[in-house]
Amino acid sequence: MKLLFRYPVMGRIPIICILLSLLSITAMAQTDADAIMMEKNNFCTGILYNYSSWKNYWEGTFKRDNANLGTVSTQMIGVMGNYGISDKLNVLFSIPYVANKVSAGQLHKMNGVQDLSLWVKYMPFEKKVGPGTLSLYGVAGYSFPVTNYVADFLPMSIGVRSKNISIRGIVDYQIKNWTATASATYVNRSNITIDRVSYYTTEMHYANEVKMPDAMQFQFRTGWRSDRFLAEAVLSNWTTMSGFDITKNNMPFPSNKMNMTAVGVGGKYNVKAADGLSIIGGGNYTIAGRNVGQSTSVYGGVFYIISFTHKAKEKQENTKK
């Protein structure tokens, strides 16, 4: 059972929607945002758990806390998978269950299954350049809500119910065990509908349809990787292309401008005694933002690779007997 371990494995938790309570964008797995390809006929799947919380947040550019919220915390359990159609073409999916709550005030907790995310990932270029190997990747994704959760109740809502199309480019360079990966993503988000007939942004809108701002994500990471162990440091930025600030002492709104920069670390260990089994863990911290919470998060997960190539060979051998 083999995975193409030539490139780093750290990626983003695949939760496209932007919330105050869900801006933990660094996770480690075989995901849409990493620089690793699953080998043909191999399927990697697993479960990721993430816990994040924040007390201070940015109301526009003003940093503050709120006694009516206390600490806002989020727990997420996600099921993820990656199948190798070929060594250069993979298909991926992710679906999370999300639970939000506050430690003070009267806002009731909310939980449920959020959005299904699907990606196609392609590696068109891999070549020796100088002392290392340069690789390029293209990723196209689509996500959509799978339950009828409430979008207009931030920061408690588990999502914003937009349908998203994402296009990502990834550049990876590796010298022996040292790796560096940079990526840029454009996310187009559909309009959403909310459960009221009027709302105010910077002007009054007499409608239940909300125009969602598109977004860009940038990420850089670097670290060390061996056959059994990976350790990386990550710098990530999410920037909405438009939107407006939270008004004074008001609740967030789905189409707010929500920008954030986070730093993180993570590790991955491939268990020697169990071929195909890997354990991941790490965390990240928001260092700057606008209309987002200053969240701290930790995560961990278990993943396993199933090789359908071996099963196909065994079936052929049994047929010949």
Foldseek 3Di string as FASTA:
>chain_A
DDWQPPWAFKWFDPAPFDAQAPPRTIDGDNDLGTDTFGAAQKKKKWKKKKKKKFAWDAQFQDIDGDQQFGMKMKIKIKIKMWHHNHRFKIKIKMKIWMKIGGPHHDDHIDIGIFKIKIKIKGWPDWDDDPQKIKTKMKMKMKMFTPDDWAQFPPPRTPGNGWIKIKIKIKIKIDHVFKIKIKMKMKIDTAKDFHDDQWDDFPHIDRGRIGGAFIKMKIKMKIWGDDPFKTKMKMKIKIWTPDADGRPPPHHDGSRHTKIWIKIWMKMKGQDPVDPFKMKIKIWMFTDRIGNHGGMTMIMIMIMGMDRVVVVVVVVVVVVVD
